[in-house]
Amino acid sequence: MAGPLDGIRVLEAGLLIQGPQAAAMLADMGADVIKIELPGFGDQGRHIHVGPEDPRSAVYIACNRGKRSVALDLRHPRGAEIFKALARDADVFVSNFKPGTLESWGLGHDDLTKVNPGIICAQGSTFGPVGPDNEREGADLAGQAVGGLIATTGRDQDPPSPVGAFIADHVASLNLVAGILAALHARAASGRGQLVESSLLGGQIWAQATEFTHSMLTGEPVGRANSGHSLIKGVYGIFETADGWMAIPGVPPQARDAFFIAIERPDLTLDDRLQDIMIHRGFAWLKDQLVAAFKTRSTDHWCEVLRDAGLRYAPVRDHRQGLDDPGAWENGYFAEVADEKGNAHRVVGAPIRMSETPLEPGATAPELGAHTEEVLRGIGIDTEEIAHLRAENII
């Protein structure tokens, strides 16, 4: 079945994660995504290798599967002309250069709307499109740092530590996708495109709307997570087991007796001190009891017991263990898909399920410039001109 964005053409000149991951989601939704890359070098993500002897890039593969690659130097006047020719028939242009870069090449939103009034220009940045830091370069770590996330991770006695994923890039990419989809909807009524902008900073603030609102109300930062969440006063946190760790994401009042019985501490059901667990002075005592209880058995044991009791729980897994989750495969969060030659590839699938227009993850990421001639011929550039462009390193 056709995807929800079947018939939509996307040009992407993204780098690393924010822009490319947004375009990857659009590709999963059925859009034809043409990735524009610098000849001879490509997206910077290509150069973050799996290891010293393994030139594959998890960053590039994860964010660029299912696209077509065109090698084109946008800095060169002829390269910019060719890009404008591609933009005439495009619906969306995704990028995450430093603000002002595209404008300096004559490829900003105002420039492109002159050749295609319906084009949607989606631009990502680090600190936002305006303000005193708008022209500063940055990356995921900067977004986590300035956006307040790093200040909440870890324990009070530990130094600051970032989240172990490119979470600022990822959230910003999803915000960019949301803006693009809204702009496509608006264009259906008006016939005109528009400029859509997101940033790592804005994404981190939005992702922590609850925590920032707490600071607005109290004048205080929320503090460190301390193996749980500073705003949740109750049984909510990570506990060590006999052979690993597990998460208890809350125990509702009506389930407390069943919970204490399940962890082999029925005596706690009658302890008067439980009346105080919703305030910090009572929880410190209870947490000590829980820490001691969970250490007595294995993670698998506690998962089985809590599952049978209908209680909330989740084992703490690494990525290798996560790949063994049958539910993640059944839901399509991981998938095995075939490339054009019929070879199977395991990929991270789409996180969205749609009944009538399902998303389909691409099997592979393109080699640099693999589709250059194919795409350029599609806009009327002949063999002789392609050879000249290649000789001049424009493609």
Protein backbone atom coordinates (compact mmCIF):
# COMPACT_ATOMS: atom_id res chain seq x y z
CA MET A 1 0.00 0.00 0.00
CA ALA A 2 1.08 3.56 -0.68
CA GLY A 3 2.40 5.54 2.26
CA PRO A 4 0.67 8.66 3.60
CA LEU A 5 3.15 10.94 1.77
CA ASP A 6 3.11 9.05 -1.53
CA GLY A 7 3.68 11.58 -4.32
CA ILE A 8 5.52 14.09 -2.11
CA ARG A 9 9.06 14.95 -3.20
CA VAL A 10 11.58 16.06 -0.60
CA LEU A 11 14.98 17.62 -1.15
CA GLU A 12 17.29 17.22 1.83
CA ALA A 13 20.65 18.86 2.40
CA GLY A 14 20.99 17.77 6.01
CA LEU A 15 24.05 16.95 8.07
CA LEU A 16 24.51 14.28 10.74
CA ILE A 17 21.16 13.76 12.51
CA GLN A 18 18.63 16.58 12.94
CA GLY A 19 17.83 17.22 9.26
CA PRO A 20 18.58 13.73 7.94
CA GLN A 21 16.46 11.97 10.57
CA ALA A 22 13.52 14.28 9.84
CA ALA A 23 13.81 13.43 6.14
CA ALA A 24 14.15 9.72 6.98
CA MET A 25 10.77 9.83 8.72
CA LEU A 26 9.28 11.47 5.63
CA ALA A 27 10.81 8.70 3.50
CA ASP A 28 9.24 6.06 5.76
CA MET A 29 5.94 7.86 5.18
CA GLY A 30 6.32 7.31 1.44
CA ALA A 31 7.94 10.55 0.27
CA ASP A 32 10.61 10.46 -2.44
CA VAL A 33 13.62 11.91 -0.61
CA ILE A 34 16.58 13.15 -2.63
CA LYS A 35 19.60 13.77 -0.42
CA ILE A 36 22.00 16.48 -1.63
CA GLU A 37 25.59 15.88 -0.52
CA LEU A 38 28.94 17.58 -1.06
CA PRO A 39 30.89 15.78 -3.83
CA GLY A 40 33.82 13.74 -2.57
CA PHE A 41 32.85 14.07 1.09
CA GLY A 42 29.11 13.74 1.62
CA ASP A 43 27.16 14.10 4.83
CA GLN A 44 29.47 14.36 7.86
CA GLY A 45 27.60 11.41 9.33
CA ARG A 46 29.31 9.13 6.80
CA HIS A 47 32.60 9.62 8.65
CA ILE A 48 31.54 8.44 12.12
CA HIS A 49 32.68 4.87 11.64
CA VAL A 50 31.63 1.80 13.59
CA GLY A 51 35.28 1.06 14.37
CA PRO A 52 38.88 1.52 13.20
CA GLU A 53 38.59 -1.44 10.82
CA ASP A 54 34.91 -1.00 9.97
CA PRO A 55 34.09 2.01 7.76
CA ARG A 56 30.33 1.62 8.07
CA SER A 57 28.51 4.42 9.85
CA ALA A 58 25.58 3.73 12.16
CA VAL A 59 24.76 7.45 12.12
CA TYR A 60 24.54 7.59 8.34
CA ILE A 61 22.71 4.29 7.87
CA ALA A 62 20.13 5.01 10.59
CA CYS A 63 19.29 8.49 9.30
CA ASN A 64 19.46 7.98 5.53
CA ARG A 65 18.02 4.60 4.59
CA GLY A 66 15.44 4.72 1.82
CA LYS A 67 16.74 7.92 0.19
CA ARG A 68 18.41 8.75 -3.12
CA SER A 69 21.80 10.49 -3.04
CA VAL A 70 22.86 13.29 -5.39
CA ALA A 71 26.37 14.72 -5.17
CA LEU A 72 26.04 18.46 -5.83
CA ASP A 73 28.13 21.41 -4.62
CA LEU A 74 25.58 24.02 -3.54
CA ARG A 75 28.34 26.56 -2.95
CA HIS A 76 29.11 26.74 -6.68
CA PRO A 77 26.82 29.05 -8.73
CA ARG A 78 26.09 26.27 -11.24
CA GLY A 79 25.36 23.88 -8.39
CA ALA A 80 22.91 26.40 -6.92
CA GLU A 81 21.24 26.74 -10.34
CA ILE A 82 20.79 22.98 -10.60
CA PHE A 83 19.37 22.87 -7.09
CA LYS A 84 16.81 25.54 -7.99
CA ALA A 85 15.81 23.44 -10.99
CA LEU A 86 15.24 20.50 -8.65
CA ALA A 87 13.30 22.75 -6.27
CA ARG A 88 10.78 23.70 -8.97
CA ASP A 89 9.13 20.30 -8.65
CA ALA A 90 9.81 19.70 -4.95
CA ASP A 91 7.30 19.92 -2.13
CA VAL A 92 9.71 20.16 0.81
CA PHE A 93 13.32 21.19 1.38
CA VAL A 94 14.93 20.00 4.63
CA SER A 95 18.24 21.36 5.93
CA ASN A 96 20.07 22.04 9.18
CA PHE A 97 22.93 24.34 8.21
CA LYS A 98 23.91 27.22 10.46
CA PRO A 99 21.35 30.03 9.98
CA GLY A 100 22.37 32.29 7.10
CA THR A 101 24.34 29.63 5.19
CA LEU A 102 21.71 28.87 2.56
CA GLU A 103 21.00 32.56 2.09
CA SER A 104 24.68 33.17 1.35
CA TRP A 105 24.41 30.64 -1.50
CA GLY A 106 21.22 32.20 -2.85
CA LEU A 107 19.17 29.22 -1.68
CA GLY A 108 17.24 30.65 1.26
CA HIS A 109 13.49 30.46 1.64
CA ASP A 110 12.92 33.75 -0.19
CA ASP A 111 15.12 32.60 -3.08
CA LEU A 112 13.37 29.26 -3.50
CA THR A 113 9.84 30.64 -3.30
CA LYS A 114 10.65 32.70 -6.40
CA VAL A 115 10.98 29.47 -8.39
CA ASN A 116 8.36 27.50 -6.45
CA PRO A 117 5.82 29.40 -4.31
CA GLY A 118 4.50 26.12 -2.93
CA ILE A 119 7.76 24.80 -1.53
CA ILE A 120 8.04 24.22 2.22
CA CYS A 121 11.50 25.07 3.53
CA ALA A 122 12.18 23.25 6.81
CA GLN A 123 15.31 24.46 8.57
CA GLY A 124 16.83 23.11 11.77
CA SER A 125 19.42 24.86 13.93
CA THR A 126 21.08 24.54 17.33
CA PHE A 127 20.00 27.63 19.25
CA GLY A 128 17.08 28.87 17.14
CA PRO A 129 16.74 31.03 14.00
CA VAL A 130 16.89 34.37 15.87
CA GLY A 131 18.46 35.70 19.07
CA PRO A 132 22.03 36.38 20.20
CA ASP A 133 23.21 32.79 19.62
CA ASN A 134 21.41 32.07 16.35
CA GLU A 135 24.57 31.97 14.22
CA ARG A 136 26.57 29.81 16.64
CA GLU A 137 27.29 26.27 15.52
CA GLY A 138 26.51 23.35 17.78
CA ALA A 139 25.52 19.72 18.00
CA ASP A 140 23.41 17.40 20.12
CA LEU A 141 25.54 17.85 23.23
CA ALA A 142 25.07 21.62 23.07
CA GLY A 143 21.30 21.18 22.88
CA GLN A 144 21.25 18.87 25.90
CA ALA A 145 23.50 21.23 27.86
CA VAL A 146 21.90 24.60 27.19
CA GLY A 147 18.41 23.10 27.18
CA GLY A 148 18.70 21.98 30.80
CA LEU A 149 18.56 18.23 30.25
CA ILE A 150 22.08 17.42 31.43
CA ALA A 151 21.41 19.19 34.73
CA THR A 152 18.66 16.64 35.50
CA THR A 153 20.46 13.38 34.72
CA GLY A 154 22.41 11.30 37.21
CA ARG A 155 22.62 11.61 40.98
CA ASP A 156 23.32 14.61 43.20
CA GLN A 157 26.85 13.46 44.04
CA ASP A 158 27.85 12.78 40.42
CA PRO A 159 29.26 15.22 37.84
CA PRO A 160 26.90 16.25 35.01
CA SER A 161 26.37 13.59 32.36
CA PRO A 162 24.50 13.72 29.04
CA VAL A 163 21.84 11.23 27.98
CA GLY A 164 23.46 8.33 26.11
CA ALA A 165 21.57 9.03 22.89
CA PHE A 166 21.41 11.91 20.41
CA ILE A 167 18.18 12.94 22.08
CA ALA A 168 18.34 16.69 21.31
CA ASP A 169 18.81 15.96 17.61
CA HIS A 170 16.04 13.38 17.67
CA VAL A 171 13.45 15.59 19.38
CA ALA A 172 14.29 18.49 17.05
CA SER A 173 13.89 16.21 14.03
CA LEU A 174 10.43 15.13 15.18
CA ASN A 175 9.44 18.77 15.72
CA LEU A 176 10.63 19.53 12.19
CA VAL A 177 8.52 16.66 10.82
CA ALA A 178 5.47 17.92 12.73
CA GLY A 179 5.95 21.38 11.27
CA ILE A 180 6.36 20.00 7.76
CA LEU A 181 3.18 17.93 7.99
CA ALA A 182 1.25 20.95 9.30
CA ALA A 183 2.65 23.10 6.47
CA LEU A 184 1.60 20.51 3.87
CA HIS A 185 -1.91 20.60 5.32
CA ALA A 186 -1.97 24.41 5.23
CA ARG A 187 -0.69 24.42 1.64
CA ALA A 188 -3.60 22.24 0.57
CA ALA A 189 -5.88 25.17 1.39
CA SER A 190 -3.69 28.16 0.46
CA GLY A 191 -1.53 26.77 -2.32
CA ARG A 192 1.50 28.40 -0.76
CA GLY A 193 4.45 26.93 1.09
CA GLN A 194 6.13 28.45 4.11
CA LEU A 195 9.25 28.46 6.26
CA VAL A 196 9.30 25.88 9.07
CA GLU A 197 12.02 26.12 11.74
CA SER A 198 13.02 24.03 14.72
CA SER A 199 16.11 23.87 16.93
CA LEU A 200 17.90 21.67 19.42
CA LEU A 201 17.30 24.24 22.17
CA GLY A 202 13.61 24.61 21.40
CA GLY A 203 13.15 20.86 21.25
CA GLN A 204 14.76 20.33 24.65
CA ILE A 205 12.63 23.00 26.26
CA TRP A 206 9.46 21.50 24.72
CA ALA A 207 10.48 17.99 25.81
CA GLN A 208 10.86 19.30 29.37
CA ALA A 209 7.70 21.42 29.43
CA THR A 210 6.72 19.92 32.80
CA GLU A 211 10.11 20.56 34.38
CA PHE A 212 10.40 24.13 33.07
CA THR A 213 6.85 24.86 34.20
CA HIS A 214 7.81 23.62 37.68
CA SER A 215 10.68 26.11 37.69
CA MET A 216 8.34 28.89 36.56
CA LEU A 217 5.97 28.08 39.43
CA THR A 218 8.58 27.61 42.15
CA GLY A 219 11.59 29.60 41.04
CA GLU A 220 13.75 26.50 41.58
CA PRO A 221 15.33 23.93 39.21
CA VAL A 222 13.81 20.45 39.38
CA GLY A 223 17.15 18.88 40.36
CA ARG A 224 18.76 15.57 39.47
CA ALA A 225 16.82 12.43 38.62
CA ASN A 226 18.55 10.34 41.33
CA SER A 227 17.50 7.08 39.67
CA GLY A 228 13.93 8.27 39.27
CA HIS A 229 12.40 11.73 38.79
CA SER A 230 12.66 14.61 41.22
CA LEU A 231 8.97 15.52 40.80
CA ILE A 232 7.64 12.01 41.51
CA LYS A 233 7.34 11.28 45.22
CA GLY A 234 6.60 7.59 45.47
CA VAL A 235 7.71 4.18 44.23
CA TYR A 236 9.23 5.37 40.98
CA GLY A 237 12.81 4.55 40.12
CA ILE A 238 15.58 2.15 39.16
CA PHE A 239 16.46 -0.67 41.55
CA GLU A 240 19.37 -3.08 41.57
CA THR A 241 18.52 -6.79 41.45
CA ALA A 242 20.69 -9.83 42.13
CA ASP A 243 21.95 -9.80 38.53
CA GLY A 244 20.99 -6.46 37.00
CA TRP A 245 18.58 -3.56 37.30
CA MET A 246 14.90 -2.91 36.82
CA ALA A 247 12.52 0.05 36.73
CA ILE A 248 9.39 0.43 38.81
CA PRO A 249 7.40 3.20 37.06
CA GLY A 250 4.98 3.90 39.88
CA VAL A 251 2.68 1.93 42.15
CA PRO A 252 -0.89 3.32 42.38
CA PRO A 253 -2.35 3.42 45.92
CA GLN A 254 -4.83 0.63 45.16
CA ALA A 255 -1.97 -1.65 44.05
CA ARG A 256 0.38 -1.11 47.01
CA ASP A 257 -0.64 -4.20 48.97
CA ALA A 258 -0.21 -6.44 45.92
CA PHE A 259 3.17 -4.83 45.24
CA PHE A 260 4.54 -5.39 48.74
CA ILE A 261 3.31 -8.97 48.74
CA ALA A 262 4.92 -9.58 45.33
CA ILE A 263 8.33 -8.35 46.50
CA GLU A 264 8.06 -10.60 49.57
CA ARG A 265 7.56 -7.76 52.06
CA PRO A 266 3.92 -8.19 53.18
CA ASP A 267 4.84 -6.58 56.49
CA LEU A 268 5.06 -3.22 54.74
CA THR A 269 1.34 -3.27 54.02
CA LEU A 270 0.67 -2.66 57.72
CA ASP A 271 3.44 -0.14 58.37
CA ASP A 272 2.05 3.26 59.42
CA ARG A 273 5.01 4.99 57.86
CA LEU A 274 3.51 4.33 54.40
CA GLN A 275 1.26 7.30 54.99
CA ASP A 276 4.32 9.49 54.41
CA ILE A 277 5.64 7.98 51.17
CA MET A 278 4.15 10.78 49.10
CA ILE A 279 6.48 13.23 50.81
CA HIS A 280 10.24 13.04 50.77
CA ARG A 281 10.80 12.26 54.44
CA GLY A 282 8.77 9.05 54.19
CA PHE A 283 10.09 7.90 50.84
CA ALA A 284 13.73 7.80 51.98
CA TRP A 285 12.83 5.10 54.50
CA LEU A 286 10.74 3.12 52.00
CA LYS A 287 13.41 3.29 49.32
CA ASP A 288 15.89 1.61 51.65
CA GLN A 289 13.42 -1.25 52.13
CA LEU A 290 12.89 -1.62 48.39
CA VAL A 291 16.60 -1.55 47.59
CA ALA A 292 17.21 -4.42 50.02
CA ALA A 293 14.24 -6.42 48.73
CA PHE A 294 15.06 -6.23 45.02
CA LYS A 295 18.67 -7.29 45.55
CA THR A 296 17.53 -10.70 46.80
CA ARG A 297 16.27 -11.99 43.43
CA SER A 298 17.13 -11.84 39.74
CA THR A 299 15.66 -9.38 37.25
CA ASP A 300 13.85 -12.22 35.43
CA HIS A 301 12.31 -13.36 38.72
CA TRP A 302 10.96 -9.91 39.54
CA CYS A 303 9.65 -9.42 36.01
CA GLU A 304 7.71 -12.68 36.20
CA VAL A 305 6.32 -12.00 39.67
CA LEU A 306 5.26 -8.43 38.93
CA ARG A 307 3.78 -9.41 35.57
CA ASP A 308 1.69 -12.13 37.18
CA ALA A 309 0.48 -9.60 39.77
CA GLY A 310 -0.52 -7.12 37.05
CA LEU A 311 1.91 -4.49 38.33
CA ARG A 312 4.09 -1.99 36.49
CA TYR A 313 7.71 -2.93 35.82
CA ALA A 314 10.39 -2.83 33.12
CA PRO A 315 13.80 -4.51 33.01
CA VAL A 316 16.73 -2.20 32.35
CA ARG A 317 18.19 -3.47 29.08
CA ASP A 318 21.08 -2.50 26.85
CA HIS A 319 20.68 -2.20 23.09
CA ARG A 320 21.76 -5.77 22.44
CA GLN A 321 19.09 -7.02 24.84
CA GLY A 322 16.55 -4.65 23.33
CA LEU A 323 17.07 -6.29 19.94
CA ASP A 324 15.82 -9.56 21.44
CA ASP A 325 12.42 -8.11 22.40
CA PRO A 326 9.79 -9.98 20.35
CA GLY A 327 7.24 -7.24 20.96
CA ALA A 328 9.52 -4.61 19.41
CA TRP A 329 9.78 -6.74 16.26
CA GLU A 330 6.07 -7.54 16.16
CA ASN A 331 5.22 -3.84 16.39
CA GLY A 332 7.67 -2.99 13.62
CA TYR A 333 10.01 -0.97 15.82
CA PHE A 334 12.71 -3.24 14.43
CA ALA A 335 12.21 -4.73 10.98
CA GLU A 336 13.86 -6.97 8.43
CA VAL A 337 13.44 -5.54 4.95
CA ALA A 338 14.77 -6.52 1.54
CA ASP A 339 16.81 -4.27 -0.75
CA GLU A 340 16.43 -4.10 -4.53
CA LYS A 341 18.53 -7.25 -4.93
CA GLY A 342 16.46 -9.20 -2.41
CA ASN A 343 19.09 -9.10 0.33
CA ALA A 344 17.66 -8.86 3.85
CA HIS A 345 18.68 -6.06 6.21
CA ARG A 346 17.77 -5.49 9.85
CA VAL A 347 16.82 -1.86 10.45
CA VAL A 348 15.22 0.35 13.08
CA GLY A 349 11.63 0.60 11.90
CA ALA A 350 9.07 3.36 12.09
CA PRO A 351 7.63 4.23 15.55
CA ILE A 352 4.23 5.09 14.03
CA ARG A 353 1.57 2.57 12.93
CA MET A 354 -1.14 3.54 10.43
CA SER A 355 -3.88 1.16 9.38
CA GLU A 356 -4.61 2.44 5.86
CA THR A 357 -1.30 3.98 4.78
CA PRO A 358 1.42 2.07 6.66
CA LEU A 359 4.96 3.36 6.94
CA GLU A 360 7.70 1.35 5.23
CA PRO A 361 11.34 1.69 6.34
CA GLY A 362 13.99 1.71 3.65
CA ALA A 363 16.45 -1.17 3.52
CA THR A 364 19.72 0.64 2.87
CA ALA A 365 21.33 4.07 2.83
CA PRO A 366 22.66 5.23 -0.57
CA GLU A 367 26.26 5.43 -1.61
CA LEU A 368 27.48 8.99 -2.09
CA GLY A 369 26.13 10.29 -5.40
CA ALA A 370 24.58 6.97 -6.38
CA HIS A 371 21.57 8.66 -7.99
CA THR A 372 23.20 11.82 -9.34
CA GLU A 373 22.90 11.03 -13.05
CA GLU A 374 19.43 9.56 -12.66
CA VAL A 375 18.09 12.69 -10.95
CA LEU A 376 19.88 15.18 -13.20
CA ARG A 377 18.63 13.49 -16.33
CA GLY A 378 15.16 13.84 -14.88
CA ILE A 379 15.47 17.65 -15.08
CA GLY A 380 16.85 17.61 -18.63
CA ILE A 381 20.63 17.65 -18.10
CA ASP A 382 22.26 15.56 -20.81
CA THR A 383 25.29 13.26 -20.79
CA GLU A 384 27.71 15.92 -22.07
CA GLU A 385 26.69 18.42 -19.40
CA ILE A 386 26.88 15.76 -16.68
CA ALA A 387 30.45 14.93 -17.77
CA HIS A 388 31.36 18.63 -17.65
CA LEU A 389 29.84 19.05 -14.19
CA ARG A 390 31.79 16.05 -12.96
CA ALA A 391 35.04 17.37 -14.42
CA GLU A 392 34.48 20.66 -12.60
CA ASN A 393 33.74 18.81 -9.29
CA ILE A 394 30.29 20.39 -9.18
CA ILE A 395 28.81 16.89 -8.94
